[in-house]
Amino acid sequence: MIEMKGNMVLKLKRFGSFMFILILAIFVYLYIVSQMQSEKQSVSLPNGLNPIVKEGANQLIRQSAKKGITVVITDGFRSMADQDQLYKKGRTSGGTIVTKAKGGESFHNYGLAVDFALKTPSAKVIWDRNYDGNQNGKPDWDEVVAIAKSLGFQWGGDWAQFKDYPHLQMDFGLTLAELQNGKRPPKSYENTK
């Protein structure tokens, strides 16, 4: 009988120790989650193009002009609301589908993407990928894309699905999930070295 009481007391002590460790682990987990949430909330969303992306777009325009190609940046930073409006095109509003990305799902929403077009001598803005306005036997579009890539942009025309030929972005090695969770790229070239 005494031995049974001793075993019961020992089991209760073990159970109590287990419960203490479990409760402690839950508190630690909740603390870590709350810290991650506060970090996520404290990182503000951008309200314009990242300065590196902006400078890259300006260099693209200058370098293309040296080859006799006039590049127009047709879109840059987009707010989440603007992205949602664009997403509705061809779905719940008129027109054709132009994006697969809702608000928060585009690099435009984080100031890391631009869209471009070409401008003809008559000031017409075109998206003709075969146009050879500088008469050098190469499509101007391909020349602009090559310059963009040399400046560090990725091109939407290289995507396996839903090719987005006017789209250029710099992701700085960050995924959309990381951007959505509050990670941000550097804002200057000095921070990338």
N, C-alpha and C. Protein backbone atom coordinates (compact mmCIF):
# COMPACT_ATOMS: atom_id res chain seq x y z
N MET A 1 0.82 -1.20 0.00
CA MET A 1 0.00 0.00 0.00
C MET A 1 0.86 1.25 0.00
N ILE A 2 1.89 1.26 0.83
CA ILE A 2 2.79 2.41 0.90
C ILE A 2 3.53 2.55 -0.43
N GLU A 3 3.90 1.40 -0.99
CA GLU A 3 4.60 1.42 -2.28
C GLU A 3 3.69 2.00 -3.36
N MET A 4 2.39 1.69 -3.34
CA MET A 4 1.44 2.22 -4.32
C MET A 4 1.29 3.72 -4.16
N LYS A 5 1.25 4.20 -2.89
CA LYS A 5 1.15 5.64 -2.64
C LYS A 5 2.40 6.33 -3.14
N GLY A 6 3.56 5.72 -2.92
CA GLY A 6 4.83 6.28 -3.38
C GLY A 6 4.87 6.39 -4.89
N ASN A 7 4.40 5.32 -5.58
CA ASN A 7 4.36 5.36 -7.05
C ASN A 7 3.39 6.43 -7.55
N MET A 8 2.28 6.55 -6.85
CA MET A 8 1.28 7.56 -7.22
C MET A 8 1.84 8.96 -7.04
N VAL A 9 2.53 9.20 -5.95
CA VAL A 9 3.14 10.51 -5.69
C VAL A 9 4.20 10.81 -6.75
N LEU A 10 5.01 9.81 -7.09
CA LEU A 10 6.04 9.96 -8.11
C LEU A 10 5.41 10.28 -9.47
N LYS A 11 4.32 9.59 -9.80
CA LYS A 11 3.63 9.86 -11.06
C LYS A 11 3.05 11.27 -11.08
N LEU A 12 2.49 11.71 -9.95
CA LEU A 12 1.94 13.07 -9.87
C LEU A 12 3.05 14.11 -10.02
N LYS A 13 4.22 13.86 -9.43
CA LYS A 13 5.34 14.79 -9.56
C LYS A 13 5.80 14.86 -11.02
N ARG A 14 5.90 13.70 -11.67
CA ARG A 14 6.30 13.68 -13.09
C ARG A 14 5.27 14.41 -13.95
N PHE A 15 4.00 14.16 -13.67
CA PHE A 15 2.93 14.82 -14.41
C PHE A 15 3.00 16.33 -14.18
N GLY A 16 3.22 16.73 -12.94
CA GLY A 16 3.34 18.16 -12.62
C GLY A 16 4.53 18.78 -13.34
N SER A 17 5.66 18.09 -13.39
CA SER A 17 6.84 18.60 -14.11
C SER A 17 6.55 18.72 -15.60
N PHE A 18 5.89 17.70 -16.14
CA PHE A 18 5.54 17.72 -17.55
C PHE A 18 4.61 18.91 -17.86
N MET A 19 3.60 19.11 -17.02
CA MET A 19 2.67 20.22 -17.22
C MET A 19 3.38 21.57 -17.12
N PHE A 20 4.31 21.70 -16.18
CA PHE A 20 5.07 22.94 -16.03
C PHE A 20 5.87 23.23 -17.31
N ILE A 21 6.54 22.20 -17.83
CA ILE A 21 7.35 22.37 -19.05
C ILE A 21 6.44 22.69 -20.24
N LEU A 22 5.30 22.03 -20.33
CA LEU A 22 4.36 22.28 -21.41
C LEU A 22 3.84 23.72 -21.36
N ILE A 23 3.45 24.17 -20.20
CA ILE A 23 2.94 25.54 -20.06
C ILE A 23 4.04 26.55 -20.38
N LEU A 24 5.25 26.28 -19.92
CA LEU A 24 6.38 27.16 -20.21
C LEU A 24 6.63 27.21 -21.72
N ALA A 25 6.59 26.08 -22.38
CA ALA A 25 6.80 26.03 -23.83
C ALA A 25 5.72 26.81 -24.56
N ILE A 26 4.48 26.72 -24.11
CA ILE A 26 3.39 27.47 -24.73
C ILE A 26 3.62 28.96 -24.59
N PHE A 27 4.03 29.41 -23.40
CA PHE A 27 4.31 30.84 -23.19
C PHE A 27 5.46 31.32 -24.07
N VAL A 28 6.50 30.52 -24.19
CA VAL A 28 7.64 30.89 -25.05
C VAL A 28 7.17 30.99 -26.50
N TYR A 29 6.39 30.02 -26.97
CA TYR A 29 5.87 30.03 -28.33
C TYR A 29 5.02 31.29 -28.56
N LEU A 30 4.10 31.57 -27.65
CA LEU A 30 3.24 32.75 -27.80
C LEU A 30 4.04 34.04 -27.81
N TYR A 31 5.10 34.10 -27.01
CA TYR A 31 5.95 35.28 -26.98
C TYR A 31 6.65 35.47 -28.33
N ILE A 32 7.20 34.39 -28.88
CA ILE A 32 7.90 34.47 -30.17
C ILE A 32 6.93 34.89 -31.27
N VAL A 33 5.75 34.31 -31.30
CA VAL A 33 4.75 34.66 -32.31
C VAL A 33 4.36 36.13 -32.18
N SER A 34 4.18 36.61 -30.96
CA SER A 34 3.79 38.02 -30.78
C SER A 34 4.91 38.95 -31.23
N GLN A 35 6.16 38.56 -31.02
CA GLN A 35 7.29 39.37 -31.48
C GLN A 35 7.33 39.42 -33.01
N MET A 36 7.09 38.29 -33.64
CA MET A 36 7.09 38.24 -35.10
C MET A 36 5.95 39.10 -35.65
N GLN A 37 4.79 39.06 -35.02
CA GLN A 37 3.66 39.87 -35.48
C GLN A 37 3.95 41.35 -35.33
N SER A 38 4.57 41.75 -34.22
CA SER A 38 4.85 43.17 -34.02
C SER A 38 5.92 43.65 -34.99
N GLU A 39 6.90 42.79 -35.32
CA GLU A 39 7.90 43.16 -36.32
C GLU A 39 7.24 43.32 -37.67
N LYS A 40 6.33 42.41 -38.02
CA LYS A 40 5.64 42.46 -39.31
C LYS A 40 4.82 43.74 -39.41
N GLN A 41 4.15 44.12 -38.34
CA GLN A 41 3.31 45.29 -38.36
C GLN A 41 4.12 46.58 -38.34
N SER A 42 5.34 46.54 -37.80
CA SER A 42 6.12 47.76 -37.68
C SER A 42 6.81 48.13 -38.99
N VAL A 43 6.90 47.22 -39.94
CA VAL A 43 7.52 47.51 -41.22
C VAL A 43 6.46 48.08 -42.14
N SER A 44 6.64 49.34 -42.52
CA SER A 44 5.62 49.97 -43.34
C SER A 44 5.78 49.57 -44.80
N LEU A 45 4.69 49.66 -45.50
CA LEU A 45 4.71 49.39 -46.93
C LEU A 45 5.29 50.60 -47.65
N PRO A 46 6.00 50.37 -48.73
CA PRO A 46 6.54 51.50 -49.48
C PRO A 46 5.42 52.30 -50.13
N ASN A 47 5.72 53.54 -50.48
CA ASN A 47 4.73 54.37 -51.17
C ASN A 47 5.29 54.92 -52.48
N GLY A 48 6.34 54.28 -52.96
CA GLY A 48 6.94 54.69 -54.23
C GLY A 48 7.98 53.66 -54.64
N LEU A 49 8.63 53.94 -55.76
CA LEU A 49 9.67 53.03 -56.24
C LEU A 49 10.87 53.02 -55.32
N ASN A 50 11.45 51.87 -55.13
CA ASN A 50 12.72 51.74 -54.42
C ASN A 50 13.73 52.60 -55.19
N PRO A 51 14.57 53.37 -54.51
CA PRO A 51 15.52 54.25 -55.21
C PRO A 51 16.45 53.51 -56.18
N ILE A 52 16.82 52.28 -55.87
CA ILE A 52 17.69 51.52 -56.78
C ILE A 52 16.92 51.17 -58.05
N VAL A 53 15.67 50.78 -57.91
CA VAL A 53 14.84 50.45 -59.07
C VAL A 53 14.61 51.71 -59.90
N LYS A 54 14.35 52.82 -59.22
CA LYS A 54 14.13 54.09 -59.93
C LYS A 54 15.37 54.49 -60.72
N GLU A 55 16.53 54.39 -60.10
CA GLU A 55 17.78 54.72 -60.79
C GLU A 55 18.02 53.76 -61.95
N GLY A 56 17.72 52.47 -61.76
CA GLY A 56 17.85 51.49 -62.83
C GLY A 56 16.96 51.84 -64.02
N ALA A 57 15.73 52.26 -63.74
CA ALA A 57 14.80 52.66 -64.80
C ALA A 57 15.33 53.89 -65.54
N ASN A 58 15.87 54.85 -64.78
CA ASN A 58 16.44 56.05 -65.42
C ASN A 58 17.64 55.69 -66.28
N GLN A 59 18.49 54.79 -65.82
CA GLN A 59 19.63 54.34 -66.61
C GLN A 59 19.16 53.61 -67.87
N LEU A 60 18.11 52.82 -67.74
CA LEU A 60 17.55 52.11 -68.89
C LEU A 60 17.13 53.12 -69.96
N ILE A 61 16.46 54.18 -69.56
CA ILE A 61 16.01 55.21 -70.50
C ILE A 61 17.22 55.86 -71.18
N ARG A 62 18.24 56.22 -70.39
CA ARG A 62 19.43 56.90 -70.93
C ARG A 62 20.21 55.98 -71.88
N GLN A 63 20.45 54.73 -71.45
CA GLN A 63 21.24 53.82 -72.28
C GLN A 63 20.49 53.44 -73.56
N SER A 64 19.19 53.32 -73.48
CA SER A 64 18.39 53.01 -74.68
C SER A 64 18.44 54.20 -75.64
N ALA A 65 18.37 55.41 -75.11
CA ALA A 65 18.41 56.61 -75.95
C ALA A 65 19.73 56.67 -76.73
N LYS A 66 20.82 56.22 -76.14
CA LYS A 66 22.11 56.20 -76.83
C LYS A 66 22.08 55.28 -78.05
N LYS A 67 21.16 54.31 -78.04
CA LYS A 67 21.00 53.39 -79.18
C LYS A 67 19.89 53.85 -80.12
N GLY A 68 19.34 55.04 -79.85
CA GLY A 68 18.28 55.56 -80.71
C GLY A 68 16.91 55.00 -80.39
N ILE A 69 16.73 54.51 -79.17
CA ILE A 69 15.45 53.92 -78.75
C ILE A 69 14.88 54.77 -77.62
N THR A 70 13.63 55.19 -77.80
CA THR A 70 12.97 55.96 -76.74
C THR A 70 12.10 55.02 -75.92
N VAL A 71 12.46 54.89 -74.64
CA VAL A 71 11.72 54.03 -73.70
C VAL A 71 10.83 54.90 -72.82
N VAL A 72 9.63 54.44 -72.60
CA VAL A 72 8.68 55.11 -71.72
C VAL A 72 8.36 54.15 -70.58
N ILE A 73 8.48 54.61 -69.35
CA ILE A 73 8.04 53.82 -68.20
C ILE A 73 6.54 54.06 -68.05
N THR A 74 5.75 53.04 -68.29
CA THR A 74 4.29 53.18 -68.29
C THR A 74 3.67 52.91 -66.92
N ASP A 75 4.42 52.24 -66.06
CA ASP A 75 3.89 51.94 -64.73
C ASP A 75 5.06 51.65 -63.81
N GLY A 76 4.89 52.01 -62.56
CA GLY A 76 5.93 51.75 -61.56
C GLY A 76 5.28 51.22 -60.29
N PHE A 77 5.42 51.98 -59.22
CA PHE A 77 4.81 51.58 -57.95
C PHE A 77 3.29 51.55 -58.12
N ARG A 78 2.67 50.51 -57.52
CA ARG A 78 1.21 50.42 -57.45
C ARG A 78 0.81 50.14 -56.02
N SER A 79 -0.18 50.87 -55.54
CA SER A 79 -0.72 50.57 -54.22
C SER A 79 -1.48 49.24 -54.29
N MET A 80 -1.77 48.69 -53.13
CA MET A 80 -2.55 47.45 -53.08
C MET A 80 -3.92 47.66 -53.73
N ALA A 81 -4.54 48.82 -53.47
CA ALA A 81 -5.86 49.11 -54.05
C ALA A 81 -5.76 49.22 -55.57
N ASP A 82 -4.71 49.87 -56.08
CA ASP A 82 -4.53 49.97 -57.53
C ASP A 82 -4.35 48.58 -58.14
N GLN A 83 -3.58 47.73 -57.45
CA GLN A 83 -3.35 46.37 -57.94
C GLN A 83 -4.66 45.59 -58.00
N ASP A 84 -5.48 45.74 -56.96
CA ASP A 84 -6.77 45.04 -56.94
C ASP A 84 -7.67 45.51 -58.08
N GLN A 85 -7.64 46.82 -58.39
CA GLN A 85 -8.42 47.35 -59.51
C GLN A 85 -7.94 46.75 -60.83
N LEU A 86 -6.62 46.68 -61.00
CA LEU A 86 -6.04 46.10 -62.21
C LEU A 86 -6.41 44.62 -62.33
N TYR A 87 -6.41 43.92 -61.19
CA TYR A 87 -6.76 42.49 -61.17
C TYR A 87 -8.20 42.26 -61.65
N LYS A 88 -9.08 43.22 -61.38
CA LYS A 88 -10.48 43.08 -61.77
C LYS A 88 -10.67 43.14 -63.28
N LYS A 89 -9.70 43.77 -64.00
CA LYS A 89 -9.82 43.89 -65.46
C LYS A 89 -9.94 42.51 -66.08
N GLY A 90 -10.99 42.35 -66.90
CA GLY A 90 -11.21 41.08 -67.58
C GLY A 90 -11.87 40.04 -66.70
N ARG A 91 -12.10 40.38 -65.45
CA ARG A 91 -12.77 39.45 -64.54
C ARG A 91 -14.13 40.03 -64.15
N THR A 92 -14.12 41.05 -63.33
CA THR A 92 -15.39 41.66 -62.90
C THR A 92 -15.63 43.00 -63.55
N SER A 93 -14.64 43.49 -64.31
CA SER A 93 -14.83 44.71 -65.09
C SER A 93 -14.38 44.44 -66.52
N GLY A 94 -14.68 45.36 -67.42
CA GLY A 94 -14.40 45.17 -68.83
C GLY A 94 -12.92 45.04 -69.15
N GLY A 95 -12.66 44.62 -70.38
CA GLY A 95 -11.28 44.50 -70.84
C GLY A 95 -10.79 43.07 -70.79
N THR A 96 -9.50 42.93 -71.01
CA THR A 96 -8.87 41.61 -70.96
C THR A 96 -8.03 41.50 -69.70
N ILE A 97 -7.77 40.29 -69.28
CA ILE A 97 -6.95 40.05 -68.09
C ILE A 97 -5.53 40.52 -68.37
N VAL A 98 -5.02 41.36 -67.49
CA VAL A 98 -3.67 41.90 -67.67
C VAL A 98 -2.72 41.48 -66.55
N THR A 99 -3.26 40.92 -65.49
CA THR A 99 -2.40 40.48 -64.38
C THR A 99 -3.03 39.28 -63.68
N LYS A 100 -2.18 38.48 -63.10
CA LYS A 100 -2.64 37.36 -62.27
C LYS A 100 -2.45 37.69 -60.80
N ALA A 101 -1.96 38.89 -60.52
CA ALA A 101 -1.60 39.27 -59.14
C ALA A 101 -2.64 40.20 -58.52
N LYS A 102 -3.10 39.81 -57.35
CA LYS A 102 -3.96 40.68 -56.54
C LYS A 102 -3.05 41.60 -55.73
N GLY A 103 -3.66 42.53 -55.00
CA GLY A 103 -2.90 43.44 -54.14
C GLY A 103 -2.02 42.66 -53.18
N GLY A 104 -0.72 43.01 -53.13
CA GLY A 104 0.23 42.34 -52.26
C GLY A 104 0.95 41.19 -52.93
N GLU A 105 0.51 40.84 -54.15
CA GLU A 105 1.10 39.70 -54.86
C GLU A 105 1.96 40.12 -56.05
N SER A 106 2.24 41.41 -56.15
CA SER A 106 3.04 41.93 -57.27
C SER A 106 4.24 42.70 -56.72
N PHE A 107 5.36 42.58 -57.41
CA PHE A 107 6.54 43.35 -57.02
C PHE A 107 6.30 44.86 -57.19
N HIS A 108 5.32 45.23 -58.02
CA HIS A 108 4.94 46.65 -58.14
C HIS A 108 4.49 47.19 -56.78
N ASN A 109 3.81 46.37 -56.00
CA ASN A 109 3.27 46.81 -54.70
C ASN A 109 4.35 47.13 -53.68
N TYR A 110 5.56 46.68 -53.95
CA TYR A 110 6.68 46.90 -53.03
C TYR A 110 7.72 47.85 -53.64
N GLY A 111 7.33 48.51 -54.75
CA GLY A 111 8.22 49.47 -55.39
C GLY A 111 9.40 48.85 -56.09
N LEU A 112 9.28 47.59 -56.51
CA LEU A 112 10.41 46.86 -57.08
C LEU A 112 10.22 46.51 -58.56
N ALA A 113 9.22 47.10 -59.22
CA ALA A 113 8.96 46.75 -60.61
C ALA A 113 8.49 47.97 -61.40
N VAL A 114 8.80 47.93 -62.69
CA VAL A 114 8.31 48.93 -63.64
C VAL A 114 7.84 48.19 -64.88
N ASP A 115 6.96 48.84 -65.64
CA ASP A 115 6.55 48.36 -66.95
C ASP A 115 7.01 49.41 -67.95
N PHE A 116 7.38 48.95 -69.15
CA PHE A 116 7.87 49.89 -70.15
C PHE A 116 7.17 49.69 -71.48
N ALA A 117 7.33 50.68 -72.34
CA ALA A 117 6.88 50.62 -73.73
C ALA A 117 7.90 51.41 -74.55
N LEU A 118 7.70 51.42 -75.85
CA LEU A 118 8.56 52.17 -76.76
C LEU A 118 7.79 53.37 -77.29
N LYS A 119 8.52 54.43 -77.64
CA LYS A 119 7.88 55.60 -78.23
C LYS A 119 8.46 55.81 -79.62
N THR A 120 7.58 55.95 -80.60
CA THR A 120 8.01 56.16 -81.98
C THR A 120 8.36 57.64 -82.20
N PRO A 121 9.02 57.96 -83.30
CA PRO A 121 9.32 59.37 -83.59
C PRO A 121 8.07 60.25 -83.67
N SER A 122 6.91 59.65 -83.98
CA SER A 122 5.66 60.42 -84.03
C SER A 122 5.00 60.51 -82.65
N ALA A 123 5.74 60.10 -81.61
CA ALA A 123 5.29 60.16 -80.21
C ALA A 123 4.20 59.15 -79.88
N LYS A 124 4.04 58.13 -80.70
CA LYS A 124 3.08 57.07 -80.41
C LYS A 124 3.75 56.07 -79.47
N VAL A 125 3.07 55.69 -78.38
CA VAL A 125 3.57 54.70 -77.43
C VAL A 125 3.10 53.33 -77.90
N ILE A 126 4.08 52.41 -78.06
CA ILE A 126 3.75 51.09 -78.61
C ILE A 126 4.36 49.98 -77.75
N TRP A 127 3.78 48.81 -77.91
CA TRP A 127 4.26 47.60 -77.23
C TRP A 127 4.62 46.54 -78.29
N ASP A 128 5.03 46.99 -79.46
CA ASP A 128 5.37 46.13 -80.58
C ASP A 128 6.77 45.56 -80.37
N ARG A 129 6.84 44.25 -80.13
CA ARG A 129 8.13 43.62 -79.82
C ARG A 129 8.99 43.39 -81.06
N ASN A 130 8.46 43.65 -82.25
CA ASN A 130 9.22 43.49 -83.49
C ASN A 130 9.66 44.83 -84.10
N TYR A 131 9.21 45.91 -83.53
CA TYR A 131 9.51 47.25 -84.05
C TYR A 131 11.02 47.50 -84.01
N ASP A 132 11.56 48.01 -85.14
CA ASP A 132 12.99 48.33 -85.24
C ASP A 132 13.14 49.80 -85.64
N GLY A 133 12.83 50.65 -84.70
CA GLY A 133 12.86 52.09 -84.98
C GLY A 133 14.25 52.65 -85.24
N ASN A 134 15.28 52.05 -84.68
CA ASN A 134 16.63 52.56 -84.91
C ASN A 134 17.28 51.92 -86.14
N GLN A 135 16.52 51.07 -86.83
CA GLN A 135 16.93 50.51 -88.13
C GLN A 135 18.27 49.77 -88.09
N ASN A 136 18.53 49.02 -87.00
CA ASN A 136 19.79 48.28 -86.93
C ASN A 136 19.61 46.78 -87.14
N GLY A 137 18.42 46.39 -87.55
CA GLY A 137 18.17 44.98 -87.84
C GLY A 137 17.81 44.15 -86.61
N LYS A 138 17.70 44.78 -85.45
CA LYS A 138 17.32 44.07 -84.23
C LYS A 138 16.06 44.73 -83.67
N PRO A 139 15.13 43.95 -83.17
CA PRO A 139 13.95 44.57 -82.54
C PRO A 139 14.38 45.44 -81.34
N ASP A 140 13.86 46.67 -81.32
CA ASP A 140 14.19 47.58 -80.22
C ASP A 140 13.84 46.96 -78.87
N TRP A 141 12.74 46.22 -78.83
CA TRP A 141 12.29 45.59 -77.58
C TRP A 141 13.38 44.68 -77.00
N ASP A 142 13.96 43.85 -77.88
CA ASP A 142 15.02 42.94 -77.44
C ASP A 142 16.24 43.71 -76.93
N GLU A 143 16.56 44.82 -77.60
CA GLU A 143 17.69 45.63 -77.18
C GLU A 143 17.44 46.24 -75.79
N VAL A 144 16.23 46.71 -75.57
CA VAL A 144 15.88 47.30 -74.26
C VAL A 144 15.94 46.23 -73.17
N VAL A 145 15.42 45.05 -73.46
CA VAL A 145 15.45 43.96 -72.48
C VAL A 145 16.90 43.60 -72.13
N ALA A 146 17.77 43.55 -73.13
CA ALA A 146 19.18 43.23 -72.87
C ALA A 146 19.82 44.29 -71.97
N ILE A 147 19.52 45.56 -72.22
CA ILE A 147 20.05 46.63 -71.37
C ILE A 147 19.50 46.48 -69.95
N ALA A 148 18.19 46.23 -69.85
CA ALA A 148 17.57 46.09 -68.53
C ALA A 148 18.22 44.97 -67.73
N LYS A 149 18.45 43.84 -68.38
CA LYS A 149 19.08 42.71 -67.69
C LYS A 149 20.49 43.07 -67.24
N SER A 150 21.22 43.84 -68.06
CA SER A 150 22.58 44.23 -67.68
C SER A 150 22.57 45.17 -66.47
N LEU A 151 21.43 45.83 -66.25
CA LEU A 151 21.29 46.74 -65.10
C LEU A 151 20.78 46.02 -63.85
N GLY A 152 20.49 44.73 -63.97
CA GLY A 152 20.05 43.96 -62.81
C GLY A 152 18.57 43.67 -62.76
N PHE A 153 17.84 44.04 -63.80
CA PHE A 153 16.41 43.75 -63.83
C PHE A 153 16.18 42.30 -64.29
N GLN A 154 15.10 41.70 -63.78
CA GLN A 154 14.59 40.45 -64.33
C GLN A 154 13.43 40.83 -65.24
N TRP A 155 13.24 40.06 -66.30
CA TRP A 155 12.23 40.38 -67.31
C TRP A 155 11.06 39.41 -67.24
N GLY A 156 9.86 39.95 -67.24
CA GLY A 156 8.65 39.13 -67.21
C GLY A 156 8.47 38.25 -68.44
N GLY A 157 9.16 38.56 -69.51
CA GLY A 157 9.11 37.73 -70.71
C GLY A 157 9.83 36.40 -70.55
N ASP A 158 10.66 36.30 -69.52
CA ASP A 158 11.37 35.04 -69.24
C ASP A 158 10.56 34.09 -68.37
N TRP A 159 9.43 34.55 -67.86
CA TRP A 159 8.63 33.71 -66.98
C TRP A 159 8.06 32.52 -67.76
N ALA A 160 7.98 31.39 -67.08
CA ALA A 160 7.46 30.17 -67.71
C ALA A 160 5.96 30.28 -67.99
N GLN A 161 5.24 30.90 -67.07
CA GLN A 161 3.79 31.04 -67.23
C GLN A 161 3.42 32.51 -67.20
N PHE A 162 2.36 32.86 -67.89
CA PHE A 162 1.85 34.23 -67.96
C PHE A 162 2.98 35.22 -68.24
N LYS A 163 3.54 35.12 -69.41
CA LYS A 163 4.63 36.02 -69.78
C LYS A 163 4.13 37.46 -69.75
N ASP A 164 4.92 38.33 -69.14
CA ASP A 164 4.56 39.74 -68.99
C ASP A 164 5.68 40.55 -69.64
N TYR A 165 5.57 40.75 -70.95
CA TYR A 165 6.67 41.31 -71.73
C TYR A 165 7.07 42.75 -71.35
N PRO A 166 6.17 43.61 -70.91
CA PRO A 166 6.60 44.96 -70.52
C PRO A 166 7.20 45.03 -69.10
N HIS A 167 7.14 43.95 -68.34
CA HIS A 167 7.47 43.95 -66.91
C HIS A 167 8.97 43.75 -66.65
N LEU A 168 9.52 44.63 -65.82
CA LEU A 168 10.91 44.51 -65.34
C LEU A 168 10.87 44.65 -63.83
N GLN A 169 11.65 43.80 -63.14
CA GLN A 169 11.66 43.90 -61.67
C GLN A 169 13.04 43.59 -61.13
N MET A 170 13.29 44.11 -59.94
CA MET A 170 14.47 43.77 -59.16
C MET A 170 13.95 43.18 -57.86
N ASP A 171 14.27 41.91 -57.60
CA ASP A 171 13.73 41.29 -56.38
C ASP A 171 14.73 41.26 -55.23
N PHE A 172 15.99 41.61 -55.50
CA PHE A 172 17.03 41.66 -54.46
C PHE A 172 17.13 40.34 -53.69
N GLY A 173 16.76 39.24 -54.35
CA GLY A 173 16.82 37.94 -53.71
C GLY A 173 15.67 37.66 -52.75
N LEU A 174 14.68 38.54 -52.74
CA LEU A 174 13.53 38.37 -51.84
C LEU A 174 12.36 37.77 -52.60
N THR A 175 11.63 36.90 -51.94
CA THR A 175 10.42 36.34 -52.52
C THR A 175 9.23 37.21 -52.16
N LEU A 176 8.12 37.01 -52.85
CA LEU A 176 6.90 37.74 -52.48
C LEU A 176 6.49 37.43 -51.05
N ALA A 177 6.65 36.17 -50.64
CA ALA A 177 6.28 35.78 -49.27
C ALA A 177 7.11 36.57 -48.26
N GLU A 178 8.39 36.75 -48.53
CA GLU A 178 9.24 37.52 -47.62
C GLU A 178 8.82 38.99 -47.59
N LEU A 179 8.49 39.54 -48.75
CA LEU A 179 8.02 40.93 -48.80
C LEU A 179 6.70 41.07 -48.05
N GLN A 180 5.81 40.12 -48.24
CA GLN A 180 4.53 40.15 -47.53
C GLN A 180 4.72 40.04 -46.02
N ASN A 181 5.79 39.39 -45.60
CA ASN A 181 6.07 39.23 -44.17
C ASN A 181 6.94 40.34 -43.61
N GLY A 182 7.16 41.40 -44.39
CA GLY A 182 7.82 42.57 -43.86
C GLY A 182 9.28 42.77 -44.23
N LYS A 183 9.90 41.83 -44.92
CA LYS A 183 11.30 42.04 -45.33
C LYS A 183 11.33 43.10 -46.42
N ARG A 184 12.39 43.91 -46.38
CA ARG A 184 12.54 44.97 -47.38
C ARG A 184 13.96 44.97 -47.91
N PRO A 185 14.13 45.30 -49.19
CA PRO A 185 15.46 45.37 -49.78
C PRO A 185 16.16 46.67 -49.37
N PRO A 186 17.44 46.78 -49.72
CA PRO A 186 18.14 48.04 -49.43
C PRO A 186 17.55 49.17 -50.26
N LYS A 187 17.80 50.38 -49.81
CA LYS A 187 17.27 51.55 -50.51
C LYS A 187 18.34 52.30 -51.28
N SER A 188 19.59 51.84 -51.18
CA SER A 188 20.65 52.50 -51.91
C SER A 188 21.69 51.50 -52.35
N TYR A 189 22.49 51.87 -53.33
CA TYR A 189 23.54 50.97 -53.82
C TYR A 189 24.54 50.66 -52.72
N GLU A 190 24.80 51.60 -51.83
CA GLU A 190 25.76 51.38 -50.75
C GLU A 190 25.35 50.20 -49.87
N ASN A 191 24.06 50.00 -49.69
CA ASN A 191 23.56 48.91 -48.85
C ASN A 191 23.63 47.55 -49.54
N THR A 192 23.91 47.54 -50.85
CA THR A 192 23.97 46.26 -51.56
C THR A 192 25.40 45.73 -51.66
N LYS A 193 26.37 46.54 -51.29
CA LYS A 193 27.77 46.12 -51.41
C LYS A 193 28.22 45.33 -50.22
